[in-house]
Structures are given as C-alpha cells and as structure tokens.
Amino acid sequence: MFAKQSMLIMKETNQKYTDKALLVKGLKRLALALPLLVLTTYIFTFGFLNKEVLPLYIFMILGILAMAATIYLLFHGIKLILKSIF
C-alpha cells in the first residue's frame, strides 16, 4: 500500500527539467551583451570628452542607443536563463 502511495505522489509531481535550447539562447544573449557593455562605455565616454566637435555628438547618440540595447540584452538573457531553469 505504501508503494502505491509513493508511486502516486511521484506521478503527481511532474518534475520539469532544464530546457537546454532556451538556456543556450540566454547564454548567447549574455555573451553578446558583454562586449557591448565595454564598447558602449568607451563610445559614450568618447562622446562626452569631445563636446566641441560636432560629429562627435553622433557618438553620444550611438552610445545611448547601444546602452539601451546592452541593458535589454542583459535583462532578456537573464530572463531566458531563469525561464529555462524554472
């Protein structure tokens, strides 16, 4: 009787396993965000240091857009990894 109850409990738990495809996708996003994080910081600082030259304002705009993309990739990558694990 105890064996039947334990088998019934094991069937009800429905254990989920890690979705490896989703985990790899999340890790790729984080791997793409890491170089962007370094590059974005450099571009943004370069734009702030040279305010007197007009074309370098473009670097500030590109730096802000790249920062937004980096933050999106970081959070989306972490979200995908957590989704694959849990």
PDB file of N, CA and C in Angstrom:
ATOM      1  N   MET A   1       0.820  -1.189   0.000  1.00  0.00           N
ATOM      2  CA  MET A   1       0.000   0.000   0.000  1.00  0.00           C
ATOM      3  C   MET A   1       0.869   1.260   0.000  1.00  0.00           C
ATOM      4  N   PHE A   2       1.926   1.223   0.783  1.00  0.00           N
ATOM      5  CA  PHE A   2       2.826   2.363   0.836  1.00  0.00           C
ATOM      6  C   PHE A   2       3.509   2.595  -0.515  1.00  0.00           C
ATOM      7  N   ALA A   3       3.827   1.538  -1.218  1.00  0.00           N
ATOM      8  CA  ALA A   3       4.468   1.648  -2.530  1.00  0.00           C
ATOM      9  C   ALA A   3       3.528   2.292  -3.541  1.00  0.00           C
ATOM     10  N   LYS A   4       2.225   1.975  -3.469  1.00  0.00           N
ATOM     11  CA  LYS A   4       1.259   2.580  -4.377  1.00  0.00           C
ATOM     12  C   LYS A   4       1.126   4.071  -4.112  1.00  0.00           C
ATOM     13  N   GLN A   5       1.136   4.459  -2.829  1.00  0.00           N
ATOM     14  CA  GLN A   5       1.031   5.877  -2.493  1.00  0.00           C
ATOM     15  C   GLN A   5       2.261   6.645  -2.954  1.00  0.00           C
ATOM     16  N   SER A   6       3.442   6.059  -2.780  1.00  0.00           N
ATOM     17  CA  SER A   6       4.655   6.758  -3.196  1.00  0.00           C
ATOM     18  C   SER A   6       4.710   6.887  -4.717  1.00  0.00           C
ATOM     19  N   MET A   7       4.237   5.874  -5.452  1.00  0.00           N
ATOM     20  CA  MET A   7       4.205   5.962  -6.906  1.00  0.00           C
ATOM     21  C   MET A   7       3.197   7.014  -7.355  1.00  0.00           C
ATOM     22  N   LEU A   8       2.093   7.118  -6.646  1.00  0.00           N
ATOM     23  CA  LEU A   8       1.082   8.111  -6.969  1.00  0.00           C
ATOM     24  C   LEU A   8       1.625   9.520  -6.740  1.00  0.00           C
ATOM     25  N   ILE A   9       2.358   9.703  -5.662  1.00  0.00           N
ATOM     26  CA  ILE A   9       2.957  11.009  -5.371  1.00  0.00           C
ATOM     27  C   ILE A   9       3.998  11.358  -6.421  1.00  0.00           C
ATOM     28  N   MET A  10       4.801  10.396  -6.838  1.00  0.00           N
ATOM     29  CA  MET A  10       5.828  10.660  -7.838  1.00  0.00           C
ATOM     30  C   MET A  10       5.212  11.042  -9.181  1.00  0.00           C
ATOM     31  N   LYS A  11       4.067  10.451  -9.530  1.00  0.00           N
ATOM     32  CA  LYS A  11       3.412  10.782 -10.784  1.00  0.00           C
ATOM     33  C   LYS A  11       2.799  12.174 -10.744  1.00  0.00           C
ATOM     34  N   GLU A  12       2.368  12.625  -9.561  1.00  0.00           N
ATOM     35  CA  GLU A  12       1.715  13.919  -9.437  1.00  0.00           C
ATOM     36  C   GLU A  12       2.686  15.089  -9.469  1.00  0.00           C
ATOM     37  N   THR A  13       3.947  14.875  -9.133  1.00  0.00           N
ATOM     38  CA  THR A  13       4.881  15.996  -9.040  1.00  0.00           C
ATOM     39  C   THR A  13       5.226  16.602 -10.391  1.00  0.00           C
ATOM     40  N   ASN A  14       5.262  15.804 -11.456  1.00  0.00           N
ATOM     41  CA  ASN A  14       5.580  16.293 -12.799  1.00  0.00           C
ATOM     42  C   ASN A  14       6.824  17.169 -12.800  1.00  0.00           C
ATOM     43  N   GLN A  15       7.946  16.587 -12.488  1.00  0.00           N
ATOM     44  CA  GLN A  15       9.191  17.332 -12.429  1.00  0.00           C
ATOM     45  C   GLN A  15       9.546  17.873 -13.805  1.00  0.00           C
ATOM     46  N   LYS A  16       9.937  19.143 -13.822  1.00  0.00           N
ATOM     47  CA  LYS A  16      10.372  19.765 -15.063  1.00  0.00           C
ATOM     48  C   LYS A  16      11.896  19.773 -15.082  1.00  0.00           C
ATOM     49  N   TYR A  17      12.436  19.619 -16.260  1.00  0.00           N
ATOM     50  CA  TYR A  17      13.875  19.628 -16.414  1.00  0.00           C
ATOM     51  C   TYR A  17      14.292  20.891 -17.158  1.00  0.00           C
ATOM     52  N   THR A  18      15.568  21.169 -17.133  1.00  0.00           N
ATOM     53  CA  THR A  18      16.098  22.364 -17.775  1.00  0.00           C
ATOM     54  C   THR A  18      15.956  22.272 -19.294  1.00  0.00           C
ATOM     55  N   ASP A  19      15.397  23.321 -19.875  1.00  0.00           N
ATOM     56  CA  ASP A  19      15.277  23.412 -21.329  1.00  0.00           C
ATOM     57  C   ASP A  19      16.617  23.910 -21.865  1.00  0.00           C
ATOM     58  N   LYS A  20      17.393  23.009 -22.433  1.00  0.00           N
ATOM     59  CA  LYS A  20      18.766  23.331 -22.828  1.00  0.00           C
ATOM     60  C   LYS A  20      18.814  24.303 -23.991  1.00  0.00           C
ATOM     61  N   ALA A  21      17.876  24.227 -24.898  1.00  0.00           N
ATOM     62  CA  ALA A  21      17.868  25.151 -26.038  1.00  0.00           C
ATOM     63  C   ALA A  21      17.639  26.585 -25.563  1.00  0.00           C
ATOM     64  N   LEU A  22      16.736  26.747 -24.615  1.00  0.00           N
ATOM     65  CA  LEU A  22      16.453  28.073 -24.068  1.00  0.00           C
ATOM     66  C   LEU A  22      17.629  28.578 -23.238  1.00  0.00           C
ATOM     67  N   LEU A  23      18.301  27.676 -22.543  1.00  0.00           N
ATOM     68  CA  LEU A  23      19.473  28.043 -21.754  1.00  0.00           C
ATOM     69  C   LEU A  23      20.603  28.529 -22.656  1.00  0.00           C
ATOM     70  N   VAL A  24      20.838  27.842 -23.756  1.00  0.00           N
ATOM     71  CA  VAL A  24      21.884  28.242 -24.699  1.00  0.00           C
ATOM     72  C   VAL A  24      21.546  29.593 -25.329  1.00  0.00           C
ATOM     73  N   LYS A  25      20.277  29.811 -25.633  1.00  0.00           N
ATOM     74  CA  LYS A  25      19.844  31.083 -26.211  1.00  0.00           C
ATOM     75  C   LYS A  25      20.097  32.235 -25.228  1.00  0.00           C
ATOM     76  N   GLY A  26      19.808  32.009 -23.949  1.00  0.00           N
ATOM     77  CA  GLY A  26      20.055  33.027 -22.941  1.00  0.00           C
ATOM     78  C   GLY A  26      21.535  33.298 -22.741  1.00  0.00           C
ATOM     79  N   LEU A  27      22.343  32.249 -22.771  1.00  0.00           N
ATOM     80  CA  LEU A  27      23.791  32.427 -22.624  1.00  0.00           C
ATOM     81  C   LEU A  27      24.389  33.155 -23.825  1.00  0.00           C
ATOM     82  N   LYS A  28      23.836  32.924 -25.010  1.00  0.00           N
ATOM     83  CA  LYS A  28      24.303  33.647 -26.191  1.00  0.00           C
ATOM     84  C   LYS A  28      23.993  35.133 -26.073  1.00  0.00           C
ATOM     85  N   ARG A  29      22.818  35.449 -25.549  1.00  0.00           N
ATOM     86  CA  ARG A  29      22.461  36.861 -25.363  1.00  0.00           C
ATOM     87  C   ARG A  29      23.403  37.525 -24.370  1.00  0.00           C
ATOM     88  N   LEU A  30      23.733  36.826 -23.292  1.00  0.00           N
ATOM     89  CA  LEU A  30      24.660  37.389 -22.316  1.00  0.00           C
ATOM     90  C   LEU A  30      26.062  37.514 -22.905  1.00  0.00           C
ATOM     91  N   ALA A  31      26.457  36.562 -23.729  1.00  0.00           N
ATOM     92  CA  ALA A  31      27.775  36.634 -24.362  1.00  0.00           C
ATOM     93  C   ALA A  31      27.844  37.795 -25.357  1.00  0.00           C
ATOM     94  N   LEU A  32      26.755  38.127 -25.997  1.00  0.00           N
ATOM     95  CA  LEU A  32      26.710  39.266 -26.904  1.00  0.00           C
ATOM     96  C   LEU A  32      26.696  40.580 -26.131  1.00  0.00           C
ATOM     97  N   ALA A  33      26.086  40.576 -24.965  1.00  0.00           N
ATOM     98  CA  ALA A  33      25.979  41.798 -24.172  1.00  0.00           C
ATOM     99  C   ALA A  33      27.299  42.182 -23.512  1.00  0.00           C
ATOM    100  N   LEU A  34      28.160  41.240 -23.236  1.00  0.00           N
ATOM    101  CA  LEU A  34      29.414  41.546 -22.543  1.00  0.00           C
ATOM    102  C   LEU A  34      30.340  42.452 -23.366  1.00  0.00           C
ATOM    103  N   PRO A  35      30.633  42.148 -24.630  1.00  0.00           N
ATOM    104  CA  PRO A  35      31.461  43.097 -25.393  1.00  0.00           C
ATOM    105  C   PRO A  35      30.755  44.430 -25.633  1.00  0.00           C
ATOM    106  N   LEU A  36      29.436  44.377 -25.796  1.00  0.00           N
ATOM    107  CA  LEU A  36      28.684  45.617 -25.961  1.00  0.00           C
ATOM    108  C   LEU A  36      28.789  46.505 -24.727  1.00  0.00           C
ATOM    109  N   LEU A  37      28.850  45.896 -23.575  1.00  0.00           N
ATOM    110  CA  LEU A  37      28.962  46.651 -22.330  1.00  0.00           C
ATOM    111  C   LEU A  37      30.262  47.444 -22.292  1.00  0.00           C
ATOM    112  N   VAL A  38      31.345  46.833 -22.694  1.00  0.00           N
ATOM    113  CA  VAL A  38      32.643  47.508 -22.712  1.00  0.00           C
ATOM    114  C   VAL A  38      32.686  48.552 -23.822  1.00  0.00           C
ATOM    115  N   LEU A  39      32.232  48.190 -24.999  1.00  0.00           N
ATOM    116  CA  LEU A  39      32.257  49.089 -26.148  1.00  0.00           C
ATOM    117  C   LEU A  39      31.363  50.309 -25.928  1.00  0.00           C
ATOM    118  N   THR A  40      30.210  50.096 -25.339  1.00  0.00           N
ATOM    119  CA  THR A  40      29.276  51.183 -25.090  1.00  0.00           C
ATOM    120  C   THR A  40      29.861  52.205 -24.129  1.00  0.00           C
ATOM    121  N   THR A  41      30.519  51.730 -23.108  1.00  0.00           N
ATOM    122  CA  THR A  41      31.135  52.637 -22.149  1.00  0.00           C
ATOM    123  C   THR A  41      32.204  53.491 -22.827  1.00  0.00           C
ATOM    124  N   TYR A  42      32.992  52.887 -23.676  1.00  0.00           N
ATOM    125  CA  TYR A  42      34.030  53.623 -24.400  1.00  0.00           C
ATOM    126  C   TYR A  42      33.420  54.657 -25.344  1.00  0.00           C
ATOM    127  N   ILE A  43      32.418  54.278 -26.098  1.00  0.00           N
ATOM    128  CA  ILE A  43      31.793  55.200 -27.057  1.00  0.00           C
ATOM    129  C   ILE A  43      31.140  56.369 -26.333  1.00  0.00           C
ATOM    130  N   PHE A  44      30.454  56.095 -25.250  1.00  0.00           N
ATOM    131  CA  PHE A  44      29.755  57.146 -24.507  1.00  0.00           C
ATOM    132  C   PHE A  44      30.752  58.125 -23.882  1.00  0.00           C
ATOM    133  N   THR A  45      31.838  57.624 -23.321  1.00  0.00           N
ATOM    134  CA  THR A  45      32.866  58.483 -22.744  1.00  0.00           C
ATOM    135  C   THR A  45      33.547  59.308 -23.825  1.00  0.00           C
ATOM    136  N   PHE A  46      33.803  58.705 -24.972  1.00  0.00           N
ATOM    137  CA  PHE A  46      34.423  59.409 -26.094  1.00  0.00           C
ATOM    138  C   PHE A  46      33.538  60.559 -26.561  1.00  0.00           C
ATOM    139  N   GLY A  47      32.239  60.358 -26.572  1.00  0.00           N
ATOM    140  CA  GLY A  47      31.314  61.422 -26.962  1.00  0.00           C
ATOM    141  C   GLY A  47      31.260  62.551 -25.967  1.00  0.00           C
ATOM    142  N   PHE A  48      31.392  62.251 -24.683  1.00  0.00           N
ATOM    143  CA  PHE A  48      31.359  63.296 -23.670  1.00  0.00           C
ATOM    144  C   PHE A  48      32.659  64.091 -23.605  1.00  0.00           C
ATOM    145  N   LEU A  49      33.775  63.472 -23.916  1.00  0.00           N
ATOM    146  CA  LEU A  49      35.060  64.157 -23.814  1.00  0.00           C
ATOM    147  C   LEU A  49      35.266  65.182 -24.928  1.00  0.00           C
ATOM    148  N   ASN A  50      34.663  64.994 -26.067  1.00  0.00           N
ATOM    149  CA  ASN A  50      34.872  65.877 -27.213  1.00  0.00           C
ATOM    150  C   ASN A  50      33.585  66.609 -27.577  1.00  0.00           C
ATOM    151  N   LYS A  51      33.147  67.513 -26.707  1.00  0.00           N
ATOM    152  CA  LYS A  51      31.888  68.218 -26.956  1.00  0.00           C
ATOM    153  C   LYS A  51      32.013  69.309 -28.016  1.00  0.00           C
ATOM    154  N   GLU A  52      33.203  69.805 -28.235  1.00  0.00           N
ATOM    155  CA  GLU A  52      33.347  70.942 -29.146  1.00  0.00           C
ATOM    156  C   GLU A  52      33.304  70.550 -30.624  1.00  0.00           C
ATOM    157  N   VAL A  53      33.481  69.296 -30.938  1.00  0.00           N
ATOM    158  CA  VAL A  53      33.458  68.851 -32.336  1.00  0.00           C
ATOM    159  C   VAL A  53      32.072  68.283 -32.634  1.00  0.00           C
ATOM    160  N   LEU A  54      31.431  68.808 -33.653  1.00  0.00           N
ATOM    161  CA  LEU A  54      30.045  68.444 -33.970  1.00  0.00           C
ATOM    162  C   LEU A  54      29.832  66.974 -34.308  1.00  0.00           C
ATOM    163  N   PRO A  55      30.670  66.329 -35.135  1.00  0.00           N
ATOM    164  CA  PRO A  55      30.386  64.925 -35.474  1.00  0.00           C
ATOM    165  C   PRO A  55      30.463  63.975 -34.278  1.00  0.00           C
ATOM    166  N   LEU A  56      31.129  64.399 -33.215  1.00  0.00           N
ATOM    167  CA  LEU A  56      31.230  63.500 -32.080  1.00  0.00           C
ATOM    168  C   LEU A  56      29.957  63.474 -31.225  1.00  0.00           C
ATOM    169  N   TYR A  57      29.011  64.389 -31.502  1.00  0.00           N
ATOM    170  CA  TYR A  57      27.702  64.261 -30.864  1.00  0.00           C
ATOM    171  C   TYR A  57      27.003  62.994 -31.341  1.00  0.00           C
ATOM    172  N   ILE A  58      27.354  62.570 -32.528  1.00  0.00           N
ATOM    173  CA  ILE A  58      26.795  61.321 -33.060  1.00  0.00           C
ATOM    174  C   ILE A  58      27.225  60.145 -32.186  1.00  0.00           C
ATOM    175  N   PHE A  59      28.466  60.213 -31.673  1.00  0.00           N
ATOM    176  CA  PHE A  59      28.940  59.148 -30.793  1.00  0.00           C
ATOM    177  C   PHE A  59      28.138  59.096 -29.496  1.00  0.00           C
ATOM    178  N   MET A  60      27.728  60.262 -29.000  1.00  0.00           N
ATOM    179  CA  MET A  60      26.901  60.260 -27.788  1.00  0.00           C
ATOM    180  C   MET A  60      25.559  59.599 -28.052  1.00  0.00           C
ATOM    181  N   ILE A  61      24.967  59.911 -29.183  1.00  0.00           N
ATOM    182  CA  ILE A  61      23.672  59.314 -29.529  1.00  0.00           C
ATOM    183  C   ILE A  61      23.826  57.807 -29.728  1.00  0.00           C
ATOM    184  N   LEU A  62      24.880  57.406 -30.442  1.00  0.00           N
ATOM    185  CA  LEU A  62      25.125  55.972 -30.640  1.00  0.00           C
ATOM    186  C   LEU A  62      25.412  55.274 -29.306  1.00  0.00           C
ATOM    187  N   GLY A  63      26.116  55.960 -28.423  1.00  0.00           N
ATOM    188  CA  GLY A  63      26.404  55.392 -27.112  1.00  0.00           C
ATOM    189  C   GLY A  63      25.142  55.168 -26.298  1.00  0.00           C
ATOM    190  N   ILE A  64      24.224  56.118 -26.341  1.00  0.00           N
ATOM    191  CA  ILE A  64      22.965  55.969 -25.602  1.00  0.00           C
ATOM    192  C   ILE A  64      22.133  54.831 -26.179  1.00  0.00           C
ATOM    193  N   LEU A  65      22.066  54.749 -27.500  1.00  0.00           N
ATOM    194  CA  LEU A  65      21.315  53.652 -28.129  1.00  0.00           C
ATOM    195  C   LEU A  65      21.955  52.296 -27.832  1.00  0.00           C
ATOM    196  N   ALA A  66      23.278  52.256 -27.868  1.00  0.00           N
ATOM    197  CA  ALA A  66      23.970  50.997 -27.572  1.00  0.00           C
ATOM    198  C   ALA A  66      23.787  50.603 -26.105  1.00  0.00           C
ATOM    199  N   MET A  67      23.731  51.593 -25.218  1.00  0.00           N
ATOM    200  CA  MET A  67      23.476  51.285 -23.799  1.00  0.00           C
ATOM    201  C   MET A  67      22.095  50.665 -23.617  1.00  0.00           C
ATOM    202  N   ALA A  68      21.123  51.231 -24.308  1.00  0.00           N
ATOM    203  CA  ALA A  68      19.771  50.678 -24.216  1.00  0.00           C
ATOM    204  C   ALA A  68      19.743  49.240 -24.738  1.00  0.00           C
ATOM    205  N   ALA A  69      20.443  48.983 -25.839  1.00  0.00           N
ATOM    206  CA  ALA A  69      20.497  47.626 -26.390  1.00  0.00           C
ATOM    207  C   ALA A  69      21.211  46.674 -25.431  1.00  0.00           C
ATOM    208  N   THR A  70      22.261  47.157 -24.794  1.00  0.00           N
ATOM    209  CA  THR A  70      23.002  46.323 -23.851  1.00  0.00           C
ATOM    210  C   THR A  70      22.146  45.957 -22.650  1.00  0.00           C
ATOM    211  N   ILE A  71      21.457  46.935 -22.099  1.00  0.00           N
ATOM    212  CA  ILE A  71      20.589  46.669 -20.946  1.00  0.00           C
ATOM    213  C   ILE A  71      19.483  45.692 -21.328  1.00  0.00           C
ATOM    214  N   TYR A  72      18.905  45.865 -22.520  1.00  0.00           N
ATOM    215  CA  TYR A  72      17.866  44.941 -22.986  1.00  0.00           C
ATOM    216  C   TYR A  72      18.412  43.524 -23.112  1.00  0.00           C
ATOM    217  N   LEU A  73      19.590  43.382 -23.730  1.00  0.00           N
ATOM    218  CA  LEU A  73      20.174  42.053 -23.908  1.00  0.00           C
ATOM    219  C   LEU A  73      20.504  41.397 -22.567  1.00  0.00           C
ATOM    220  N   LEU A  74      21.015  42.175 -21.631  1.00  0.00           N
ATOM    221  CA  LEU A  74      21.345  41.617 -20.315  1.00  0.00           C
ATOM    222  C   LEU A  74      20.094  41.098 -19.606  1.00  0.00           C
ATOM    223  N   PHE A  75      19.086  41.931 -19.521  1.00  0.00           N
ATOM    224  CA  PHE A  75      17.877  41.513 -18.815  1.00  0.00           C
ATOM    225  C   PHE A  75      17.142  40.390 -19.539  1.00  0.00           C
ATOM    226  N   HIS A  76      17.106  40.459 -20.855  1.00  0.00           N
ATOM    227  CA  HIS A  76      16.421  39.410 -21.616  1.00  0.00           C
ATOM    228  C   HIS A  76      17.176  38.083 -21.517  1.00  0.00           C
ATOM    229  N   GLY A  77      18.505  38.144 -21.521  1.00  0.00           N
ATOM    230  CA  GLY A  77      19.306  36.928 -21.363  1.00  0.00           C
ATOM    231  C   GLY A  77      19.111  36.287 -20.006  1.00  0.00           C
ATOM    232  N   ILE A  78      19.101  37.107 -18.954  1.00  0.00           N
ATOM    233  CA  ILE A  78      18.875  36.577 -17.603  1.00  0.00           C
ATOM    234  C   ILE A  78      17.469  36.003 -17.493  1.00  0.00           C
ATOM    235  N   LYS A  79      16.500  36.680 -18.096  1.00  0.00           N
ATOM    236  CA  LYS A  79      15.118  36.195 -18.075  1.00  0.00           C
ATOM    237  C   LYS A  79      14.995  34.835 -18.767  1.00  0.00           C
ATOM    238  N   LEU A  80      15.676  34.678 -19.914  1.00  0.00           N
ATOM    239  CA  LEU A  80      15.630  33.400 -20.631  1.00  0.00           C
ATOM    240  C   LEU A  80      16.293  32.281 -19.821  1.00  0.00           C
ATOM    241  N   ILE A  81      17.404  32.589 -19.167  1.00  0.00           N
ATOM    242  CA  ILE A  81      18.078  31.581 -18.363  1.00  0.00           C
ATOM    243  C   ILE A  81      17.193  31.148 -17.193  1.00  0.00           C
ATOM    244  N   LEU A  82      16.574  32.102 -16.527  1.00  0.00           N
ATOM    245  CA  LEU A  82      15.694  31.744 -15.419  1.00  0.00           C
ATOM    246  C   LEU A  82      14.479  30.968 -15.910  1.00  0.00           C
ATOM    247  N   LYS A  83      13.973  31.326 -17.081  1.00  0.00           N
ATOM    248  CA  LYS A  83      12.827  30.604 -17.649  1.00  0.00           C
ATOM    249  C   LYS A  83      13.201  29.149 -17.983  1.00  0.00           C
ATOM    250  N   SER A  84      14.429  28.943 -18.439  1.00  0.00           N
ATOM    251  CA  SER A  84      14.841  27.594 -18.800  1.00  0.00           C
ATOM    252  C   SER A  84      15.075  26.718 -17.561  1.00  0.00           C
ATOM    253  N   ILE A  85      15.511  27.328 -16.487  1.00  0.00           N
ATOM    254  CA  ILE A  85      15.799  26.561 -15.274  1.00  0.00           C
ATOM    255  C   ILE A  85      14.520  26.261 -14.492  1.00  0.00           C
ATOM    256  N   PHE A  86      13.685  27.259 -14.341  1.00  0.00           N
ATOM    257  CA  PHE A  86      12.477  27.060 -13.520  1.00  0.00           C
ATOM    258  C   PHE A  86      11.315  26.850 -14.403  1.00  0.00           C
TER     259      PHE A  86
END
